[in-house]
Amino acid sequence: MRNTIFFLLCLFVLSMQGCANMKSSSTGADPAAGSQMSAGFYYDFNDIRVPEEMELQTDKSSITPGQGSNVGVMKFKGRVEPSSLFDFFANTMPKDGWHLLTYQKYQRFLLVFSKDDRFVVMTIEEDPIYYTWLEVWVSMRVAGTGSPAYSTGTMPVDSYPSGSTGGGSLEYERTLSQ
């Protein structure tokens, strides 16, 4: 009887200690502090850190020198939880001067950042077998005030003949056969 009471008392004390440890570790203010991710490396993009757990896939990457910094795409694979990788970038990119514009989470992760005259689009996907894949796309901002930098193949609305809105006149419509 004494052994049973002693055993139950020890079990109770150990379970309480485990709960106390869980509470103290989960109340940390920094969600990245509990992450096992490394501080990361800078590759060809000198202001985008990537955790060392992610391995660069040079055969799937393409970098071009840009004005003051490189542009292009870098692809990585590693054994990392996609949500941890998402949290890593959400926490480290602002430290390097990037501003988060938007994101999507869970089935397919997407992060979009901007900094000066550049944009970064990151996608994170989990391979159903083993790996997590990361793509980092860096592009320069298109010059101008929001109009496309390329021809759309359509006439502006005010260029149509009077009395036509562009869609009502058959003589101005284009078809795929033309």
C-alpha atoms as a PDB file:
ATOM      1  CA  MET A   1       0.000   0.000   0.000  1.00  0.00           C
ATOM      2  CA  ARG A   2       2.821   2.412   0.864  1.00  0.00           C
ATOM      3  CA  ASN A   3       4.530   1.662  -2.466  1.00  0.00           C
ATOM      4  CA  THR A   4       1.340   2.376  -4.367  1.00  0.00           C
ATOM      5  CA  ILE A   5       0.806   5.714  -2.602  1.00  0.00           C
ATOM      6  CA  PHE A   6       4.471   6.629  -3.084  1.00  0.00           C
ATOM      7  CA  PHE A   7       4.268   5.702  -6.784  1.00  0.00           C
ATOM      8  CA  LEU A   8       1.104   7.766  -7.320  1.00  0.00           C
ATOM      9  CA  LEU A   9       2.618  10.736  -5.460  1.00  0.00           C
ATOM     10  CA  CYS A  10       5.776  10.590  -7.621  1.00  0.00           C
ATOM     11  CA  LEU A  11       3.680  10.304 -10.761  1.00  0.00           C
ATOM     12  CA  PHE A  12       1.602  13.325  -9.700  1.00  0.00           C
ATOM     13  CA  VAL A  13       4.701  15.429  -8.933  1.00  0.00           C
ATOM     14  CA  LEU A  14       6.347  14.511 -12.242  1.00  0.00           C
ATOM     15  CA  SER A  15       3.230  15.301 -14.238  1.00  0.00           C
ATOM     16  CA  MET A  16       2.880  18.675 -12.514  1.00  0.00           C
ATOM     17  CA  GLN A  17       6.518  19.464 -13.249  1.00  0.00           C
ATOM     18  CA  GLY A  18       5.998  18.581 -16.912  1.00  0.00           C
ATOM     19  CA  CYS A  19       2.967  20.882 -17.125  1.00  0.00           C
ATOM     20  CA  ALA A  20       4.895  23.703 -15.470  1.00  0.00           C
ATOM     21  CA  ASN A  21       7.708  23.323 -18.004  1.00  0.00           C
ATOM     22  CA  MET A  22       5.221  23.414 -20.877  1.00  0.00           C
ATOM     23  CA  LYS A  23       3.690  26.649 -19.652  1.00  0.00           C
ATOM     24  CA  SER A  24       7.011  28.418 -19.162  1.00  0.00           C
ATOM     25  CA  SER A  25       8.327  27.446 -22.610  1.00  0.00           C
ATOM     26  CA  SER A  26       5.146  28.342 -24.457  1.00  0.00           C
ATOM     27  CA  THR A  27       4.813  31.830 -22.983  1.00  0.00           C
ATOM     28  CA  GLY A  28       7.898  33.137 -24.768  1.00  0.00           C
ATOM     29  CA  ALA A  29       7.178  36.283 -26.766  1.00  0.00           C
ATOM     30  CA  ASP A  30       9.205  35.298 -29.843  1.00  0.00           C
ATOM     31  CA  PRO A  31       7.640  32.414 -31.811  1.00  0.00           C
ATOM     32  CA  ALA A  32      10.923  31.888 -33.665  1.00  0.00           C
ATOM     33  CA  ALA A  33      12.787  31.360 -30.402  1.00  0.00           C
ATOM     34  CA  GLY A  34      11.277  27.903 -30.020  1.00  0.00           C
ATOM     35  CA  SER A  35      12.141  27.039 -33.602  1.00  0.00           C
ATOM     36  CA  GLN A  36      15.077  24.773 -34.270  1.00  0.00           C
ATOM     37  CA  MET A  37      15.994  26.730 -37.418  1.00  0.00           C
ATOM     38  CA  SER A  38      19.509  28.056 -37.864  1.00  0.00           C
ATOM     39  CA  ALA A  39      20.359  31.726 -38.226  1.00  0.00           C
ATOM     40  CA  GLY A  40      20.745  31.075 -41.949  1.00  0.00           C
ATOM     41  CA  PHE A  41      23.039  31.877 -44.826  1.00  0.00           C
ATOM     42  CA  TYR A  42      23.050  34.591 -47.466  1.00  0.00           C
ATOM     43  CA  TYR A  43      23.424  33.122 -50.954  1.00  0.00           C
ATOM     44  CA  ASP A  44      23.366  35.124 -54.202  1.00  0.00           C
ATOM     45  CA  PHE A  45      20.700  37.443 -52.812  1.00  0.00           C
ATOM     46  CA  ASN A  46      22.794  39.349 -50.275  1.00  0.00           C
ATOM     47  CA  ASP A  47      19.851  40.427 -48.103  1.00  0.00           C
ATOM     48  CA  ILE A  48      17.759  37.253 -48.001  1.00  0.00           C
ATOM     49  CA  ARG A  49      18.730  34.725 -45.363  1.00  0.00           C
ATOM     50  CA  VAL A  50      17.928  31.035 -45.900  1.00  0.00           C
ATOM     51  CA  PRO A  51      18.177  28.466 -43.069  1.00  0.00           C
ATOM     52  CA  GLU A  52      21.150  26.117 -43.329  1.00  0.00           C
ATOM     53  CA  GLU A  53      18.737  23.164 -43.239  1.00  0.00           C
ATOM     54  CA  MET A  54      17.715  24.098 -46.786  1.00  0.00           C
ATOM     55  CA  GLU A  55      20.024  22.892 -49.578  1.00  0.00           C
ATOM     56  CA  LEU A  56      20.465  25.028 -52.713  1.00  0.00           C
ATOM     57  CA  GLN A  57      19.445  23.302 -55.959  1.00  0.00           C
ATOM     58  CA  THR A  58      21.758  24.972 -58.487  1.00  0.00           C
ATOM     59  CA  ASP A  59      20.306  23.007 -61.425  1.00  0.00           C
ATOM     60  CA  LYS A  60      16.877  24.525 -60.682  1.00  0.00           C
ATOM     61  CA  SER A  61      18.111  28.079 -59.963  1.00  0.00           C
ATOM     62  CA  SER A  62      18.917  31.022 -62.238  1.00  0.00           C
ATOM     63  CA  ILE A  63      20.505  34.298 -61.157  1.00  0.00           C
ATOM     64  CA  THR A  64      21.073  37.452 -63.234  1.00  0.00           C
ATOM     65  CA  PRO A  65      22.996  40.531 -62.084  1.00  0.00           C
ATOM     66  CA  GLY A  66      20.675  43.474 -61.566  1.00  0.00           C
ATOM     67  CA  GLN A  67      21.130  47.133 -60.712  1.00  0.00           C
ATOM     68  CA  GLY A  68      22.949  46.871 -57.390  1.00  0.00           C
ATOM     69  CA  SER A  69      21.671  43.372 -56.564  1.00  0.00           C
ATOM     70  CA  ASN A  70      20.941  40.050 -58.214  1.00  0.00           C
ATOM     71  CA  VAL A  71      17.534  39.012 -59.529  1.00  0.00           C
ATOM     72  CA  GLY A  72      16.187  35.610 -60.513  1.00  0.00           C
ATOM     73  CA  VAL A  73      15.060  32.436 -58.786  1.00  0.00           C
ATOM     74  CA  MET A  74      16.728  30.143 -56.295  1.00  0.00           C
ATOM     75  CA  LYS A  75      15.259  26.769 -55.373  1.00  0.00           C
ATOM     76  CA  PHE A  76      16.021  24.865 -52.166  1.00  0.00           C
ATOM     77  CA  LYS A  77      15.021  21.571 -50.598  1.00  0.00           C
ATOM     78  CA  GLY A  78      15.325  20.384 -47.032  1.00  0.00           C
ATOM     79  CA  ARG A  79      13.796  18.450 -44.185  1.00  0.00           C
ATOM     80  CA  VAL A  80      11.940  21.291 -42.523  1.00  0.00           C
ATOM     81  CA  GLU A  81       8.327  21.739 -41.474  1.00  0.00           C
ATOM     82  CA  PRO A  82       6.709  24.179 -43.944  1.00  0.00           C
ATOM     83  CA  SER A  83       5.108  26.204 -41.134  1.00  0.00           C
ATOM     84  CA  SER A  84       8.507  26.580 -39.410  1.00  0.00           C
ATOM     85  CA  LEU A  85      10.059  27.791 -42.654  1.00  0.00           C
ATOM     86  CA  PHE A  86       7.177  30.246 -43.098  1.00  0.00           C
ATOM     87  CA  ASP A  87       7.742  31.568 -39.556  1.00  0.00           C
ATOM     88  CA  PHE A  88      11.498  31.838 -40.203  1.00  0.00           C
ATOM     89  CA  PHE A  89      10.975  34.165 -43.185  1.00  0.00           C
ATOM     90  CA  ALA A  90       8.136  36.113 -41.545  1.00  0.00           C
ATOM     91  CA  ASN A  91      10.535  36.887 -38.657  1.00  0.00           C
ATOM     92  CA  THR A  92      13.902  37.338 -40.436  1.00  0.00           C
ATOM     93  CA  MET A  93      12.992  39.214 -43.621  1.00  0.00           C
ATOM     94  CA  PRO A  94      11.896  42.398 -41.769  1.00  0.00           C
ATOM     95  CA  LYS A  95      15.264  42.363 -39.957  1.00  0.00           C
ATOM     96  CA  ASP A  96      16.928  42.668 -43.367  1.00  0.00           C
ATOM     97  CA  GLY A  97      14.708  45.619 -44.360  1.00  0.00           C
ATOM     98  CA  TRP A  98      11.969  43.748 -46.243  1.00  0.00           C
ATOM     99  CA  HIS A  99       8.283  44.654 -45.818  1.00  0.00           C
ATOM    100  CA  LEU A 100       5.685  41.887 -45.888  1.00  0.00           C
ATOM    101  CA  LEU A 101       2.978  42.739 -48.440  1.00  0.00           C
ATOM    102  CA  THR A 102       0.834  39.597 -48.279  1.00  0.00           C
ATOM    103  CA  TYR A 103       0.922  35.894 -47.524  1.00  0.00           C
ATOM    104  CA  GLN A 104      -1.041  32.658 -47.756  1.00  0.00           C
ATOM    105  CA  LYS A 105      -0.647  29.745 -45.359  1.00  0.00           C
ATOM    106  CA  TYR A 106      -1.131  26.009 -44.922  1.00  0.00           C
ATOM    107  CA  GLN A 107      -1.775  24.012 -48.112  1.00  0.00           C
ATOM    108  CA  ARG A 108       0.731  26.027 -50.097  1.00  0.00           C
ATOM    109  CA  PHE A 109       2.672  28.783 -48.410  1.00  0.00           C
ATOM    110  CA  LEU A 110       3.285  32.069 -50.195  1.00  0.00           C
ATOM    111  CA  LEU A 111       5.030  35.199 -48.928  1.00  0.00           C
ATOM    112  CA  VAL A 112       5.449  38.468 -50.851  1.00  0.00           C
ATOM    113  CA  PHE A 113       7.911  41.123 -49.668  1.00  0.00           C
ATOM    114  CA  SER A 114       9.073  44.479 -51.035  1.00  0.00           C
ATOM    115  CA  LYS A 115      12.179  46.540 -50.442  1.00  0.00           C
ATOM    116  CA  ASP A 116      13.209  49.694 -52.297  1.00  0.00           C
ATOM    117  CA  ASP A 117      12.935  48.773 -55.986  1.00  0.00           C
ATOM    118  CA  ARG A 118      12.628  44.988 -55.601  1.00  0.00           C
ATOM    119  CA  PHE A 119      10.018  42.352 -54.832  1.00  0.00           C
ATOM    120  CA  VAL A 120      10.451  38.860 -53.407  1.00  0.00           C
ATOM    121  CA  VAL A 121       7.937  36.054 -53.885  1.00  0.00           C
ATOM    122  CA  MET A 122       8.555  32.920 -51.816  1.00  0.00           C
ATOM    123  CA  THR A 123       6.681  29.654 -52.167  1.00  0.00           C
ATOM    124  CA  ILE A 124       6.959  26.759 -49.746  1.00  0.00           C
ATOM    125  CA  GLU A 125       5.570  23.340 -50.629  1.00  0.00           C
ATOM    126  CA  GLU A 126       5.791  20.034 -48.848  1.00  0.00           C
ATOM    127  CA  ASP A 127       6.741  17.011 -50.925  1.00  0.00           C
ATOM    128  CA  PRO A 128       4.366  14.194 -49.975  1.00  0.00           C
ATOM    129  CA  ILE A 129       7.302  11.817 -49.661  1.00  0.00           C
ATOM    130  CA  TYR A 130      10.110  13.536 -47.808  1.00  0.00           C
ATOM    131  CA  TYR A 131      11.227  17.108 -48.545  1.00  0.00           C
ATOM    132  CA  THR A 132      10.039  20.670 -48.246  1.00  0.00           C
ATOM    133  CA  TRP A 133      10.705  22.811 -51.312  1.00  0.00           C
ATOM    134  CA  LEU A 134      11.392  26.549 -51.215  1.00  0.00           C
ATOM    135  CA  GLU A 135      11.465  28.894 -54.207  1.00  0.00           C
ATOM    136  CA  VAL A 136      12.726  32.454 -53.799  1.00  0.00           C
ATOM    137  CA  TRP A 137      11.942  34.761 -56.731  1.00  0.00           C
ATOM    138  CA  VAL A 138      13.507  38.242 -56.740  1.00  0.00           C
ATOM    139  CA  SER A 139      12.457  40.812 -59.338  1.00  0.00           C
ATOM    140  CA  MET A 140      13.011  44.500 -59.948  1.00  0.00           C
ATOM    141  CA  ARG A 141      10.051  46.869 -59.737  1.00  0.00           C
ATOM    142  CA  VAL A 142       8.732  47.836 -63.173  1.00  0.00           C
ATOM    143  CA  ALA A 143       9.423  51.498 -63.914  1.00  0.00           C
ATOM    144  CA  GLY A 144       6.414  53.780 -64.317  1.00  0.00           C
ATOM    145  CA  THR A 145       3.292  54.728 -62.489  1.00  0.00           C
ATOM    146  CA  GLY A 146       1.366  51.499 -62.661  1.00  0.00           C
ATOM    147  CA  SER A 147       0.796  51.175 -66.409  1.00  0.00           C
ATOM    148  CA  PRO A 148       2.053  47.921 -67.930  1.00  0.00           C
ATOM    149  CA  ALA A 149       5.617  47.910 -69.202  1.00  0.00           C
ATOM    150  CA  TYR A 150       4.492  45.729 -72.123  1.00  0.00           C
ATOM    151  CA  SER A 151       1.864  46.018 -74.831  1.00  0.00           C
ATOM    152  CA  THR A 152      -1.446  44.394 -73.963  1.00  0.00           C
ATOM    153  CA  GLY A 153      -2.577  44.298 -77.600  1.00  0.00           C
ATOM    154  CA  THR A 154      -5.736  46.313 -76.914  1.00  0.00           C
ATOM    155  CA  MET A 155      -6.632  49.885 -77.689  1.00  0.00           C
ATOM    156  CA  PRO A 156      -7.394  52.282 -74.849  1.00  0.00           C
ATOM    157  CA  VAL A 157     -11.124  52.954 -74.388  1.00  0.00           C
ATOM    158  CA  ASP A 158     -10.841  56.540 -75.678  1.00  0.00           C
ATOM    159  CA  SER A 159      -9.228  55.287 -78.949  1.00  0.00           C
ATOM    160  CA  TYR A 160     -12.375  53.523 -80.202  1.00  0.00           C
ATOM    161  CA  PRO A 161     -14.498  55.255 -82.844  1.00  0.00           C
ATOM    162  CA  SER A 162     -17.310  57.391 -81.488  1.00  0.00           C
ATOM    163  CA  GLY A 163     -20.432  55.492 -80.614  1.00  0.00           C
ATOM    164  CA  SER A 164     -18.491  52.271 -79.916  1.00  0.00           C
ATOM    165  CA  THR A 165     -17.367  50.979 -76.543  1.00  0.00           C
ATOM    166  CA  GLY A 166     -14.948  48.494 -78.021  1.00  0.00           C
ATOM    167  CA  GLY A 167     -17.102  45.415 -77.634  1.00  0.00           C
ATOM    168  CA  GLY A 168     -20.203  46.323 -79.627  1.00  0.00           C
ATOM    169  CA  SER A 169     -18.747  46.778 -83.109  1.00  0.00           C
ATOM    170  CA  LEU A 170     -17.857  43.620 -85.023  1.00  0.00           C
ATOM    171  CA  GLU A 171     -15.401  45.371 -87.342  1.00  0.00           C
ATOM    172  CA  TYR A 172     -13.067  46.151 -84.402  1.00  0.00           C
ATOM    173  CA  GLU A 173     -13.257  42.819 -82.619  1.00  0.00           C
ATOM    174  CA  ARG A 174     -10.384  40.416 -83.002  1.00  0.00           C
ATOM    175  CA  THR A 175     -10.775  36.694 -83.277  1.00  0.00           C
ATOM    176  CA  LEU A 176      -8.260  33.914 -82.822  1.00  0.00           C
ATOM    177  CA  SER A 177      -8.288  33.108 -86.554  1.00  0.00           C
ATOM    178  CA  GLN A 178      -6.991  36.575 -87.560  1.00  0.00           C
END
